[in-house]
Amino acid sequence: MFRRSFLRNSVMGLPLIGSELGKGTFLSKGQKPIVISTWDFGKAANAEAWKILSAKGRALDAIEAGAKVPEADESNKTVGYGGYPDRDGRVTLDACIMDEKGNCGSVMCIEHIKHPISVARLVMEKTPHVILVGDGALQFALENGFKKENLLTPDSEKAWKDWLKKANYEPVINIENKTYNSPKDGQMPGSIDNHDTIGILALDSNGNLSGGCTTSGMAFKMHGRVGDSPVIGAGLFVDGEIGAATSTGVGEEVIRCVGSHLVVEYMRQGNSPYDACKKVVERIAKRDIEKAKKIQIGFLALDNKGNYGAYALQKGFSFAVRSEHEEIVIPGDSYFK
């Protein structure tokens, strides 16, 4: 399938129930299992997660399996292996995972490990901690059998060296749909990525929710920079009694409002997943409207009945859905039309 060919993506079985594509909350009539992911490359992640969910497996296992797909995809420059490095040429990765009981684990600024989502799960299951960072996270991974690898691919290294010629640090909205292999329109290869994340949420056949986030962070960031993706409550939050949410975009702005937790709290107040996402985006926009015009932030939410919705600042955000009845990529609604 061609990227962004939304209406050509297959919908298997029953059509979507709810509002028109890209708007409103999509009602699944209690269907489960279901898995949803940010961006159109989430479709491949969902397909892997679905192998577990369709066999009545656990949502947490599906999240890990699905997230590992973009982590290992060399062509994906915003997640895992092949991700753009920081301004020092070092590929640093962030990831977190969370289940319906509030158990969670996170790794930040970890290097040389292809699957940080799996390390984050081990932090959750094998340690009394929630977060491990940098050299400590790497040490923990190696002690638990992970292989140390060079994650800087030739393509990413070339983009970094080209960027060094001018060292521009200008955000580009929806850059995952643009490829800068040579200078164009004032942009250098590897211009800053505003939504450097895959967030994935799942509800299994037993009604259990889980979620995960994984990213290589903003391209050519300062060494040591961490965005919202591995921050529980910002890039991801799961409450088994209510629902789950994840975010993508400029992490600093999501952290400032603890965005994903706020989405879930709006759902707790009775808002639909769509309306909850919309309320948080509106708060971000109203806080600094001029800044909001220049960046992208999107939220994706799933409640404990299988209903889902999304909302973003800018047009161009998309999310992927996989259930018994559908396999589709949907363009999200946005604040700026």
C-alpha atoms as a PDB file:
ATOM      1  CA  MET A   1       0.000   0.000   0.000  1.00  0.00           C
ATOM      2  CA  PHE A   2       1.231   3.518  -0.744  1.00  0.00           C
ATOM      3  CA  ARG A   3       1.768   5.708   2.286  1.00  0.00           C
ATOM      4  CA  ARG A   4      -1.085   8.076   2.991  1.00  0.00           C
ATOM      5  CA  SER A   5      -3.448   6.310   0.574  1.00  0.00           C
ATOM      6  CA  PHE A   6      -5.978   6.307   3.351  1.00  0.00           C
ATOM      7  CA  LEU A   7      -9.066   5.289   1.486  1.00  0.00           C
ATOM      8  CA  ARG A   8      -7.273   2.491  -0.334  1.00  0.00           C
ATOM      9  CA  ASN A   9      -6.323   0.691   2.854  1.00  0.00           C
ATOM     10  CA  SER A  10      -8.419  -2.404   3.314  1.00  0.00           C
ATOM     11  CA  VAL A  11     -11.379  -2.508   5.634  1.00  0.00           C
ATOM     12  CA  MET A  12     -12.222  -6.107   6.339  1.00  0.00           C
ATOM     13  CA  GLY A  13     -15.712  -7.187   7.309  1.00  0.00           C
ATOM     14  CA  LEU A  14     -17.976  -4.556   8.804  1.00  0.00           C
ATOM     15  CA  PRO A  15     -17.445  -0.881   7.997  1.00  0.00           C
ATOM     16  CA  LEU A  16     -16.382   1.608  10.644  1.00  0.00           C
ATOM     17  CA  ILE A  17     -19.206   2.504  12.998  1.00  0.00           C
ATOM     18  CA  GLY A  18     -19.405   6.189  13.975  1.00  0.00           C
ATOM     19  CA  SER A  19     -18.607   9.513  12.404  1.00  0.00           C
ATOM     20  CA  GLU A  20     -17.046  10.023   9.000  1.00  0.00           C
ATOM     21  CA  LEU A  21     -13.377   9.131   8.540  1.00  0.00           C
ATOM     22  CA  GLY A  22     -11.041  11.396  10.443  1.00  0.00           C
ATOM     23  CA  LYS A  23     -13.693  12.921  12.684  1.00  0.00           C
ATOM     24  CA  GLY A  24     -15.375  11.861  15.884  1.00  0.00           C
ATOM     25  CA  THR A  25     -15.034   8.746  17.952  1.00  0.00           C
ATOM     26  CA  PHE A  26     -15.301   5.417  16.184  1.00  0.00           C
ATOM     27  CA  LEU A  27     -17.642   3.148  18.088  1.00  0.00           C
ATOM     28  CA  SER A  28     -16.701  -0.505  18.078  1.00  0.00           C
ATOM     29  CA  LYS A  29     -19.833  -1.724  19.907  1.00  0.00           C
ATOM     30  CA  GLY A  30     -17.632  -3.304  22.523  1.00  0.00           C
ATOM     31  CA  GLN A  31     -15.481  -5.186  20.037  1.00  0.00           C
ATOM     32  CA  LYS A  32     -12.292  -6.658  21.347  1.00  0.00           C
ATOM     33  CA  PRO A  33      -9.522  -7.339  20.782  1.00  0.00           C
ATOM     34  CA  ILE A  34      -8.342  -4.185  19.043  1.00  0.00           C
ATOM     35  CA  VAL A  35      -5.017  -2.407  18.530  1.00  0.00           C
ATOM     36  CA  ILE A  36      -4.389   1.168  17.380  1.00  0.00           C
ATOM     37  CA  SER A  37      -1.149   2.995  16.584  1.00  0.00           C
ATOM     38  CA  THR A  38       0.039   6.467  15.641  1.00  0.00           C
ATOM     39  CA  TRP A  39       0.910   7.236  12.001  1.00  0.00           C
ATOM     40  CA  ASP A  40       0.447   5.131   8.911  1.00  0.00           C
ATOM     41  CA  PHE A  41       3.574   3.072   9.644  1.00  0.00           C
ATOM     42  CA  GLY A  42       1.607   1.856  12.655  1.00  0.00           C
ATOM     43  CA  LYS A  43      -0.250  -0.474  10.305  1.00  0.00           C
ATOM     44  CA  ALA A  44       2.721  -2.859  10.201  1.00  0.00           C
ATOM     45  CA  ALA A  45       3.062  -2.681  13.982  1.00  0.00           C
ATOM     46  CA  ASN A  46      -0.634  -3.475  14.366  1.00  0.00           C
ATOM     47  CA  ALA A  47      -0.344  -6.484  12.075  1.00  0.00           C
ATOM     48  CA  GLU A  48       2.309  -8.012  14.330  1.00  0.00           C
ATOM     49  CA  ALA A  49       0.361  -7.194  17.484  1.00  0.00           C
ATOM     50  CA  TRP A  50      -2.744  -8.728  15.950  1.00  0.00           C
ATOM     51  CA  LYS A  51      -1.070 -12.137  15.712  1.00  0.00           C
ATOM     52  CA  ILE A  52      -1.086 -12.225  19.500  1.00  0.00           C
ATOM     53  CA  LEU A  53      -4.430 -10.540  20.088  1.00  0.00           C
ATOM     54  CA  SER A  54      -6.296 -12.737  17.593  1.00  0.00           C
ATOM     55  CA  ALA A  55      -4.999 -15.813  19.415  1.00  0.00           C
ATOM     56  CA  LYS A  56      -6.488 -14.459  22.675  1.00  0.00           C
ATOM     57  CA  GLY A  57      -3.071 -13.346  23.864  1.00  0.00           C
ATOM     58  CA  ARG A  58      -2.262 -10.624  26.356  1.00  0.00           C
ATOM     59  CA  ALA A  59      -2.369  -6.966  25.337  1.00  0.00           C
ATOM     60  CA  LEU A  60       1.045  -6.325  26.923  1.00  0.00           C
ATOM     61  CA  ASP A  61       2.663  -9.001  24.761  1.00  0.00           C
ATOM     62  CA  ALA A  62       0.974  -7.553  21.684  1.00  0.00           C
ATOM     63  CA  ILE A  63       2.265  -4.071  22.485  1.00  0.00           C
ATOM     64  CA  GLU A  64       5.854  -5.267  22.764  1.00  0.00           C
ATOM     65  CA  ALA A  65       5.656  -7.342  19.579  1.00  0.00           C
ATOM     66  CA  GLY A  66       4.055  -4.522  17.611  1.00  0.00           C
ATOM     67  CA  ALA A  67       6.494  -1.855  18.767  1.00  0.00           C
ATOM     68  CA  LYS A  68       9.473  -4.002  17.790  1.00  0.00           C
ATOM     69  CA  VAL A  69       8.471  -3.758  14.113  1.00  0.00           C
ATOM     70  CA  PRO A  70       9.270  -0.054  13.603  1.00  0.00           C
ATOM     71  CA  GLU A  71      12.203  -0.363  16.009  1.00  0.00           C
ATOM     72  CA  ALA A  72      13.842  -2.802  13.578  1.00  0.00           C
ATOM     73  CA  ASP A  73      12.822  -0.949  10.400  1.00  0.00           C
ATOM     74  CA  GLU A  74      15.957   0.642   8.957  1.00  0.00           C
ATOM     75  CA  SER A  75      13.893   2.889   6.696  1.00  0.00           C
ATOM     76  CA  ASN A  76      12.069   4.484   9.628  1.00  0.00           C
ATOM     77  CA  LYS A  77      14.179   7.505  10.611  1.00  0.00           C
ATOM     78  CA  THR A  78      12.237   8.357  13.755  1.00  0.00           C
ATOM     79  CA  VAL A  79      12.182   5.046  15.630  1.00  0.00           C
ATOM     80  CA  GLY A  80      14.909   2.591  16.646  1.00  0.00           C
ATOM     81  CA  TYR A  81      17.497   1.196  14.256  1.00  0.00           C
ATOM     82  CA  GLY A  82      18.116   3.693  11.471  1.00  0.00           C
ATOM     83  CA  GLY A  83      16.775   6.593  13.509  1.00  0.00           C
ATOM     84  CA  TYR A  84      18.529   9.923  13.081  1.00  0.00           C
ATOM     85  CA  PRO A  85      21.267  10.589  15.646  1.00  0.00           C
ATOM     86  CA  ASP A  86      21.694  13.538  17.978  1.00  0.00           C
ATOM     87  CA  ARG A  87      23.947  16.454  17.006  1.00  0.00           C
ATOM     88  CA  ASP A  88      26.962  14.473  18.262  1.00  0.00           C
ATOM     89  CA  GLY A  89      26.190  11.582  15.921  1.00  0.00           C
ATOM     90  CA  ARG A  90      24.916   9.266  18.654  1.00  0.00           C
ATOM     91  CA  VAL A  91      21.659   7.326  18.248  1.00  0.00           C
ATOM     92  CA  THR A  92      19.855   7.488  21.581  1.00  0.00           C
ATOM     93  CA  LEU A  93      16.517   5.765  22.051  1.00  0.00           C
ATOM     94  CA  ASP A  94      13.594   6.164  24.450  1.00  0.00           C
ATOM     95  CA  ALA A  95      10.719   3.788  25.184  1.00  0.00           C
ATOM     96  CA  CYS A  96       8.095   2.966  27.777  1.00  0.00           C
ATOM     97  CA  ILE A  97       5.407   0.363  28.341  1.00  0.00           C
ATOM     98  CA  MET A  98       2.436   0.182  30.726  1.00  0.00           C
ATOM     99  CA  ASP A  99      -0.309  -2.307  31.587  1.00  0.00           C
ATOM    100  CA  GLU A 100      -3.863  -2.009  32.894  1.00  0.00           C
ATOM    101  CA  LYS A 101      -2.774  -2.248  36.540  1.00  0.00           C
ATOM    102  CA  GLY A 102      -0.431   0.721  36.393  1.00  0.00           C
ATOM    103  CA  ASN A 103       2.712  -1.379  36.132  1.00  0.00           C
ATOM    104  CA  CYS A 104       5.162   0.466  33.916  1.00  0.00           C
ATOM    105  CA  GLY A 105       8.775   0.625  32.798  1.00  0.00           C
ATOM    106  CA  SER A 106      10.846   3.117  30.845  1.00  0.00           C
ATOM    107  CA  VAL A 107      14.305   3.584  29.379  1.00  0.00           C
ATOM    108  CA  MET A 108      15.682   6.944  28.345  1.00  0.00           C
ATOM    109  CA  CYS A 109      18.688   7.901  26.250  1.00  0.00           C
ATOM    110  CA  ILE A 110      19.768   4.281  25.820  1.00  0.00           C
ATOM    111  CA  GLU A 111      22.324   3.501  23.092  1.00  0.00           C
ATOM    112  CA  HIS A 112      23.308   0.371  21.127  1.00  0.00           C
ATOM    113  CA  ILE A 113      20.106  -1.595  21.850  1.00  0.00           C
ATOM    114  CA  LYS A 114      17.766  -2.191  18.913  1.00  0.00           C
ATOM    115  CA  HIS A 115      14.638  -2.915  20.976  1.00  0.00           C
ATOM    116  CA  PRO A 116      14.303  -0.457  23.867  1.00  0.00           C
ATOM    117  CA  ILE A 117      10.631  -1.417  24.273  1.00  0.00           C
ATOM    118  CA  SER A 118      11.745  -4.845  25.482  1.00  0.00           C
ATOM    119  CA  VAL A 119      14.250  -3.322  27.899  1.00  0.00           C
ATOM    120  CA  ALA A 120      11.498  -1.055  29.246  1.00  0.00           C
ATOM    121  CA  ARG A 121       9.344  -4.123  29.892  1.00  0.00           C
ATOM    122  CA  LEU A 122      12.157  -5.778  31.821  1.00  0.00           C
ATOM    123  CA  VAL A 123      12.586  -2.629  33.905  1.00  0.00           C
ATOM    124  CA  MET A 124       8.900  -2.985  34.783  1.00  0.00           C
ATOM    125  CA  GLU A 125       9.038  -6.711  35.518  1.00  0.00           C
ATOM    126  CA  LYS A 126      12.507  -7.253  36.985  1.00  0.00           C
ATOM    127  CA  THR A 127      13.323  -4.108  38.958  1.00  0.00           C
ATOM    128  CA  PRO A 128      11.685  -2.045  41.726  1.00  0.00           C
ATOM    129  CA  HIS A 129      12.105   1.028  39.507  1.00  0.00           C
ATOM    130  CA  VAL A 130      10.169   2.663  36.694  1.00  0.00           C
ATOM    131  CA  ILE A 131      12.970   4.429  34.793  1.00  0.00           C
ATOM    132  CA  LEU A 132      16.553   3.593  33.860  1.00  0.00           C
ATOM    133  CA  VAL A 133      18.627   6.017  31.815  1.00  0.00           C
ATOM    134  CA  GLY A 134      21.774   6.205  29.706  1.00  0.00           C
ATOM    135  CA  ASP A 135      24.676   3.982  30.710  1.00  0.00           C
ATOM    136  CA  GLY A 136      22.627   2.404  33.501  1.00  0.00           C
ATOM    137  CA  ALA A 137      19.912   1.370  31.065  1.00  0.00           C
ATOM    138  CA  LEU A 138      22.537  -0.069  28.708  1.00  0.00           C
ATOM    139  CA  GLN A 139      24.233  -1.970  31.536  1.00  0.00           C
ATOM    140  CA  PHE A 140      20.884  -3.435  32.591  1.00  0.00           C
ATOM    141  CA  ALA A 141      20.098  -4.472  29.007  1.00  0.00           C
ATOM    142  CA  LEU A 142      23.453  -6.192  28.506  1.00  0.00           C
ATOM    143  CA  GLU A 143      23.135  -8.002  31.834  1.00  0.00           C
ATOM    144  CA  ASN A 144      19.811  -9.370  30.627  1.00  0.00           C
ATOM    145  CA  GLY A 145      21.116 -10.773  27.367  1.00  0.00           C
ATOM    146  CA  PHE A 146      20.583  -7.938  24.912  1.00  0.00           C
ATOM    147  CA  LYS A 147      23.161  -7.555  22.162  1.00  0.00           C
ATOM    148  CA  LYS A 148      25.140  -4.343  21.757  1.00  0.00           C
ATOM    149  CA  GLU A 149      24.783  -3.068  18.183  1.00  0.00           C
ATOM    150  CA  ASN A 150      25.704  -0.072  16.054  1.00  0.00           C
ATOM    151  CA  LEU A 151      22.409   1.658  15.336  1.00  0.00           C
ATOM    152  CA  LEU A 152      23.796   4.423  13.114  1.00  0.00           C
ATOM    153  CA  THR A 153      23.063   3.305   9.557  1.00  0.00           C
ATOM    154  CA  PRO A 154      24.945   4.717   6.544  1.00  0.00           C
ATOM    155  CA  ASP A 155      21.877   6.697   5.457  1.00  0.00           C
ATOM    156  CA  SER A 156      21.408   8.282   8.869  1.00  0.00           C
ATOM    157  CA  GLU A 157      25.113   9.022   9.184  1.00  0.00           C
ATOM    158  CA  LYS A 158      25.081  10.773   5.802  1.00  0.00           C
ATOM    159  CA  ALA A 159      22.049  12.839   6.790  1.00  0.00           C
ATOM    160  CA  TRP A 160      23.787  13.858  10.031  1.00  0.00           C
ATOM    161  CA  LYS A 161      26.966  14.895   8.212  1.00  0.00           C
ATOM    162  CA  ASP A 162      24.939  16.885   5.698  1.00  0.00           C
ATOM    163  CA  TRP A 163      23.085  18.566   8.567  1.00  0.00           C
ATOM    164  CA  LEU A 164      26.379  19.547  10.200  1.00  0.00           C
ATOM    165  CA  LYS A 165      27.208  21.769   7.222  1.00  0.00           C
ATOM    166  CA  LYS A 166      24.632  24.324   8.358  1.00  0.00           C
ATOM    167  CA  ALA A 167      23.297  22.830  11.588  1.00  0.00           C
ATOM    168  CA  ASN A 168      19.800  24.216  11.062  1.00  0.00           C
ATOM    169  CA  TYR A 169      17.388  23.337  13.847  1.00  0.00           C
ATOM    170  CA  GLU A 170      14.048  24.214  12.326  1.00  0.00           C
ATOM    171  CA  PRO A 171      10.986  22.054  13.042  1.00  0.00           C
ATOM    172  CA  VAL A 172       9.171  20.703   9.989  1.00  0.00           C
ATOM    173  CA  ILE A 173       5.542  19.733  10.423  1.00  0.00           C
ATOM    174  CA  ASN A 174       4.599  16.201   9.353  1.00  0.00           C
ATOM    175  CA  ILE A 175       8.122  15.445   8.161  1.00  0.00           C
ATOM    176  CA  GLU A 176       7.478  11.704   8.207  1.00  0.00           C
ATOM    177  CA  ASN A 177       5.774  12.282   4.861  1.00  0.00           C
ATOM    178  CA  LYS A 178       8.767  14.164   3.411  1.00  0.00           C
ATOM    179  CA  THR A 179      12.133  12.815   2.330  1.00  0.00           C
ATOM    180  CA  TYR A 180      15.080  15.179   2.118  1.00  0.00           C
ATOM    181  CA  ASN A 181      17.867  13.247   0.432  1.00  0.00           C
ATOM    182  CA  SER A 182      19.356  16.488  -0.844  1.00  0.00           C
ATOM    183  CA  PRO A 183      18.913  20.154   0.115  1.00  0.00           C
ATOM    184  CA  LYS A 184      15.534  21.453  -0.988  1.00  0.00           C
ATOM    185  CA  ASP A 185      13.555  24.584  -0.236  1.00  0.00           C
ATOM    186  CA  GLY A 186      16.078  25.644   2.373  1.00  0.00           C
ATOM    187  CA  GLN A 187      15.876  22.361   4.269  1.00  0.00           C
ATOM    188  CA  MET A 188      18.848  20.158   4.978  1.00  0.00           C
ATOM    189  CA  PRO A 189      18.590  16.361   4.890  1.00  0.00           C
ATOM    190  CA  GLY A 190      17.115  15.070   8.077  1.00  0.00           C
ATOM    191  CA  SER A 191      15.309  18.251   9.069  1.00  0.00           C
ATOM    192  CA  ILE A 192      13.933  18.146  12.582  1.00  0.00           C
ATOM    193  CA  ASP A 193      11.171  15.602  13.046  1.00  0.00           C
ATOM    194  CA  ASN A 194       8.189  16.897  14.970  1.00  0.00           C
ATOM    195  CA  HIS A 195       6.543  13.551  15.670  1.00  0.00           C
ATOM    196  CA  ASP A 196       9.281  11.074  16.255  1.00  0.00           C
ATOM    197  CA  THR A 197       7.206   8.395  17.936  1.00  0.00           C
ATOM    198  CA  ILE A 198       5.100   5.346  17.491  1.00  0.00           C
ATOM    199  CA  GLY A 199       2.528   5.035  20.217  1.00  0.00           C
ATOM    200  CA  ILE A 200       0.535   1.801  20.315  1.00  0.00           C
ATOM    201  CA  LEU A 201      -2.517   0.885  22.435  1.00  0.00           C
ATOM    202  CA  ALA A 202      -4.264  -2.475  22.696  1.00  0.00           C
ATOM    203  CA  LEU A 203      -7.317  -4.047  24.309  1.00  0.00           C
ATOM    204  CA  ASP A 204      -7.246  -7.839  24.473  1.00  0.00           C
ATOM    205  CA  SER A 205     -10.076 -10.367  24.470  1.00  0.00           C
ATOM    206  CA  ASN A 206     -10.070 -10.429  28.281  1.00  0.00           C
ATOM    207  CA  GLY A 207     -10.638  -6.697  28.419  1.00  0.00           C
ATOM    208  CA  ASN A 208      -7.120  -5.781  29.525  1.00  0.00           C
ATOM    209  CA  LEU A 209      -5.483  -2.607  28.208  1.00  0.00           C
ATOM    210  CA  SER A 210      -1.806  -1.926  27.615  1.00  0.00           C
ATOM    211  CA  GLY A 211       0.255   0.646  25.765  1.00  0.00           C
ATOM    212  CA  GLY A 212       3.751   1.445  24.618  1.00  0.00           C
ATOM    213  CA  CYS A 213       5.841   4.210  23.034  1.00  0.00           C
ATOM    214  CA  THR A 214       9.206   3.997  21.317  1.00  0.00           C
ATOM    215  CA  THR A 215      11.299   6.620  19.508  1.00  0.00           C
ATOM    216  CA  SER A 216      14.730   7.812  18.484  1.00  0.00           C
ATOM    217  CA  GLY A 217      13.708  11.331  19.437  1.00  0.00           C
ATOM    218  CA  MET A 218      14.103  14.565  17.519  1.00  0.00           C
ATOM    219  CA  ALA A 219      16.746  14.414  14.827  1.00  0.00           C
ATOM    220  CA  PHE A 220      20.003  16.153  15.749  1.00  0.00           C
ATOM    221  CA  LYS A 221      18.768  17.011  19.229  1.00  0.00           C
ATOM    222  CA  MET A 222      21.164  18.010  21.996  1.00  0.00           C
ATOM    223  CA  HIS A 223      22.838  14.944  23.459  1.00  0.00           C
ATOM    224  CA  GLY A 224      20.846  13.796  26.461  1.00  0.00           C
ATOM    225  CA  ARG A 225      17.562  15.356  25.332  1.00  0.00           C
ATOM    226  CA  VAL A 226      14.495  13.285  26.227  1.00  0.00           C
ATOM    227  CA  GLY A 227      11.005  14.076  24.993  1.00  0.00           C
ATOM    228  CA  ASP A 228       7.613  12.912  26.169  1.00  0.00           C
ATOM    229  CA  SER A 229       7.679   9.402  24.702  1.00  0.00           C
ATOM    230  CA  PRO A 230       9.230   7.532  27.664  1.00  0.00           C
ATOM    231  CA  VAL A 231       7.608   9.762  30.302  1.00  0.00           C
ATOM    232  CA  ILE A 232       4.699   7.965  31.952  1.00  0.00           C
ATOM    233  CA  GLY A 233       1.733  10.341  31.919  1.00  0.00           C
ATOM    234  CA  ALA A 234       3.117  12.442  29.082  1.00  0.00           C
ATOM    235  CA  GLY A 235       3.774  10.177  26.111  1.00  0.00           C
ATOM    236  CA  LEU A 236       1.704   7.290  27.477  1.00  0.00           C
ATOM    237  CA  PHE A 237      -0.829   6.537  30.180  1.00  0.00           C
ATOM    238  CA  VAL A 238      -3.003   3.487  30.824  1.00  0.00           C
ATOM    239  CA  ASP A 239      -5.813   3.084  33.360  1.00  0.00           C
ATOM    240  CA  GLY A 240      -7.598  -0.243  33.079  1.00  0.00           C
ATOM    241  CA  GLU A 241     -10.808   1.165  34.531  1.00  0.00           C
ATOM    242  CA  ILE A 242     -11.031   3.967  31.968  1.00  0.00           C
ATOM    243  CA  GLY A 243      -8.776   3.736  28.925  1.00  0.00           C
ATOM    244  CA  ALA A 244      -5.371   4.545  27.494  1.00  0.00           C
ATOM    245  CA  ALA A 245      -3.776   7.387  25.559  1.00  0.00           C
ATOM    246  CA  THR A 246      -0.547   8.106  23.754  1.00  0.00           C
ATOM    247  CA  SER A 247       0.937  11.145  22.068  1.00  0.00           C
ATOM    248  CA  THR A 248       3.201  12.108  19.222  1.00  0.00           C
ATOM    249  CA  GLY A 249       4.825  15.371  18.231  1.00  0.00           C
ATOM    250  CA  VAL A 250       6.943  17.961  20.011  1.00  0.00           C
ATOM    251  CA  GLY A 251       7.484  16.248  23.328  1.00  0.00           C
ATOM    252  CA  GLU A 252       8.348  19.333  25.331  1.00  0.00           C
ATOM    253  CA  GLU A 253       4.830  20.686  24.856  1.00  0.00           C
ATOM    254  CA  VAL A 254       3.236  17.359  25.763  1.00  0.00           C
ATOM    255  CA  ILE A 255       5.311  17.115  28.940  1.00  0.00           C
ATOM    256  CA  ARG A 256       4.201  20.593  30.019  1.00  0.00           C
ATOM    257  CA  CYS A 257       0.587  19.448  30.271  1.00  0.00           C
ATOM    258  CA  VAL A 258       1.200  15.754  31.107  1.00  0.00           C
ATOM    259  CA  GLY A 259      -0.831  15.174  27.978  1.00  0.00           C
ATOM    260  CA  SER A 260      -1.693  11.478  27.858  1.00  0.00           C
ATOM    261  CA  HIS A 261      -2.686  11.385  31.522  1.00  0.00           C
ATOM    262  CA  LEU A 262      -4.876  14.419  30.892  1.00  0.00           C
ATOM    263  CA  VAL A 263      -6.592  12.655  27.982  1.00  0.00           C
ATOM    264  CA  VAL A 264      -7.421   9.688  30.218  1.00  0.00           C
ATOM    265  CA  GLU A 265      -8.701  12.007  32.955  1.00  0.00           C
ATOM    266  CA  TYR A 266     -11.019  13.695  30.464  1.00  0.00           C
ATOM    267  CA  MET A 267     -12.320  10.246  29.529  1.00  0.00           C
ATOM    268  CA  ARG A 268     -12.848   9.565  33.235  1.00  0.00           C
ATOM    269  CA  GLN A 269     -15.096  12.627  33.298  1.00  0.00           C
ATOM    270  CA  GLY A 270     -17.258  11.059  30.601  1.00  0.00           C
ATOM    271  CA  ASN A 271     -15.718  12.445  27.427  1.00  0.00           C
ATOM    272  CA  SER A 272     -15.314  10.201  24.400  1.00  0.00           C
ATOM    273  CA  PRO A 273     -11.751   9.334  23.278  1.00  0.00           C
ATOM    274  CA  TYR A 274     -12.037  11.861  20.449  1.00  0.00           C
ATOM    275  CA  ASP A 275     -13.361  14.648  22.658  1.00  0.00           C
ATOM    276  CA  ALA A 276     -10.748  13.948  25.324  1.00  0.00           C
ATOM    277  CA  CYS A 277      -7.933  14.233  22.768  1.00  0.00           C
ATOM    278  CA  LYS A 278      -9.488  17.389  21.340  1.00  0.00           C
ATOM    279  CA  LYS A 279      -9.723  19.071  24.733  1.00  0.00           C
ATOM    280  CA  VAL A 280      -6.028  18.546  25.433  1.00  0.00           C
ATOM    281  CA  VAL A 281      -4.979  19.818  22.002  1.00  0.00           C
ATOM    282  CA  GLU A 282      -7.165  22.885  22.498  1.00  0.00           C
ATOM    283  CA  ARG A 283      -5.483  23.593  25.838  1.00  0.00           C
ATOM    284  CA  ILE A 284      -2.065  23.392  24.212  1.00  0.00           C
ATOM    285  CA  ALA A 285      -3.124  25.671  21.365  1.00  0.00           C
ATOM    286  CA  LYS A 286      -4.688  28.297  23.619  1.00  0.00           C
ATOM    287  CA  ARG A 287      -1.641  28.397  25.885  1.00  0.00           C
ATOM    288  CA  ASP A 288       0.517  29.762  23.045  1.00  0.00           C
ATOM    289  CA  ILE A 289      -1.307  30.035  19.743  1.00  0.00           C
ATOM    290  CA  GLU A 290       1.680  31.362  17.786  1.00  0.00           C
ATOM    291  CA  LYS A 291       3.888  28.479  18.891  1.00  0.00           C
ATOM    292  CA  ALA A 292       1.080  26.018  18.182  1.00  0.00           C
ATOM    293  CA  LYS A 293       0.933  27.149  14.561  1.00  0.00           C
ATOM    294  CA  LYS A 294       4.524  26.001  14.020  1.00  0.00           C
ATOM    295  CA  ILE A 295       4.485  22.536  15.582  1.00  0.00           C
ATOM    296  CA  GLN A 296       2.634  19.253  15.433  1.00  0.00           C
ATOM    297  CA  ILE A 297       1.164  17.390  18.395  1.00  0.00           C
ATOM    298  CA  GLY A 298      -1.322  14.541  18.198  1.00  0.00           C
ATOM    299  CA  PHE A 299      -3.114  12.360  20.727  1.00  0.00           C
ATOM    300  CA  LEU A 300      -4.629   8.917  20.251  1.00  0.00           C
ATOM    301  CA  ALA A 301      -6.955   7.294  22.778  1.00  0.00           C
ATOM    302  CA  LEU A 302      -8.711   3.964  23.374  1.00  0.00           C
ATOM    303  CA  ASP A 303     -11.288   3.359  26.079  1.00  0.00           C
ATOM    304  CA  ASN A 304     -11.857   0.102  27.940  1.00  0.00           C
ATOM    305  CA  LYS A 305     -14.794  -0.785  25.667  1.00  0.00           C
ATOM    306  CA  GLY A 306     -12.789  -0.562  22.445  1.00  0.00           C
ATOM    307  CA  ASN A 307     -13.908   2.903  21.304  1.00  0.00           C
ATOM    308  CA  TYR A 308     -11.135   5.072  19.922  1.00  0.00           C
ATOM    309  CA  GLY A 309     -10.443   8.579  18.670  1.00  0.00           C
ATOM    310  CA  ALA A 310      -7.635  11.000  17.850  1.00  0.00           C
ATOM    311  CA  TYR A 311      -6.996  14.700  17.429  1.00  0.00           C
ATOM    312  CA  ALA A 312      -3.965  16.800  16.429  1.00  0.00           C
ATOM    313  CA  LEU A 313      -2.866  20.404  16.125  1.00  0.00           C
ATOM    314  CA  GLN A 314      -2.143  20.205  12.390  1.00  0.00           C
ATOM    315  CA  LYS A 315      -3.559  18.357   9.422  1.00  0.00           C
ATOM    316  CA  GLY A 316      -1.529  15.355   8.335  1.00  0.00           C
ATOM    317  CA  PHE A 317      -1.642  13.228  11.482  1.00  0.00           C
ATOM    318  CA  SER A 318      -2.875   9.689  10.909  1.00  0.00           C
ATOM    319  CA  PHE A 319      -3.443   6.551  12.939  1.00  0.00           C
ATOM    320  CA  ALA A 320      -3.824   2.865  12.176  1.00  0.00           C
ATOM    321  CA  VAL A 321      -6.493   0.475  13.480  1.00  0.00           C
ATOM    322  CA  ARG A 322      -6.650  -3.326  13.497  1.00  0.00           C
ATOM    323  CA  SER A 323      -9.525  -5.418  14.778  1.00  0.00           C
ATOM    324  CA  GLU A 324     -11.577  -8.367  13.662  1.00  0.00           C
ATOM    325  CA  HIS A 325     -13.576  -6.079  11.399  1.00  0.00           C
ATOM    326  CA  GLU A 326     -11.068  -3.572  10.066  1.00  0.00           C
ATOM    327  CA  GLU A 327      -7.501  -2.902   9.068  1.00  0.00           C
ATOM    328  CA  ILE A 328      -7.236   0.730   8.101  1.00  0.00           C
ATOM    329  CA  VAL A 329      -5.279   3.962   8.351  1.00  0.00           C
ATOM    330  CA  ILE A 330      -7.386   7.004   9.273  1.00  0.00           C
ATOM    331  CA  PRO A 331      -6.554  10.699   8.826  1.00  0.00           C
ATOM    332  CA  GLY A 332      -7.023  12.427  12.148  1.00  0.00           C
ATOM    333  CA  ASP A 333      -9.025  15.572  12.720  1.00  0.00           C
ATOM    334  CA  SER A 334      -7.095  18.728  13.628  1.00  0.00           C
ATOM    335  CA  TYR A 335      -7.306  22.106  15.352  1.00  0.00           C
ATOM    336  CA  PHE A 336      -5.848  24.008  12.424  1.00  0.00           C
ATOM    337  CA  LYS A 337      -7.829  23.139   9.295  1.00  0.00           C
END
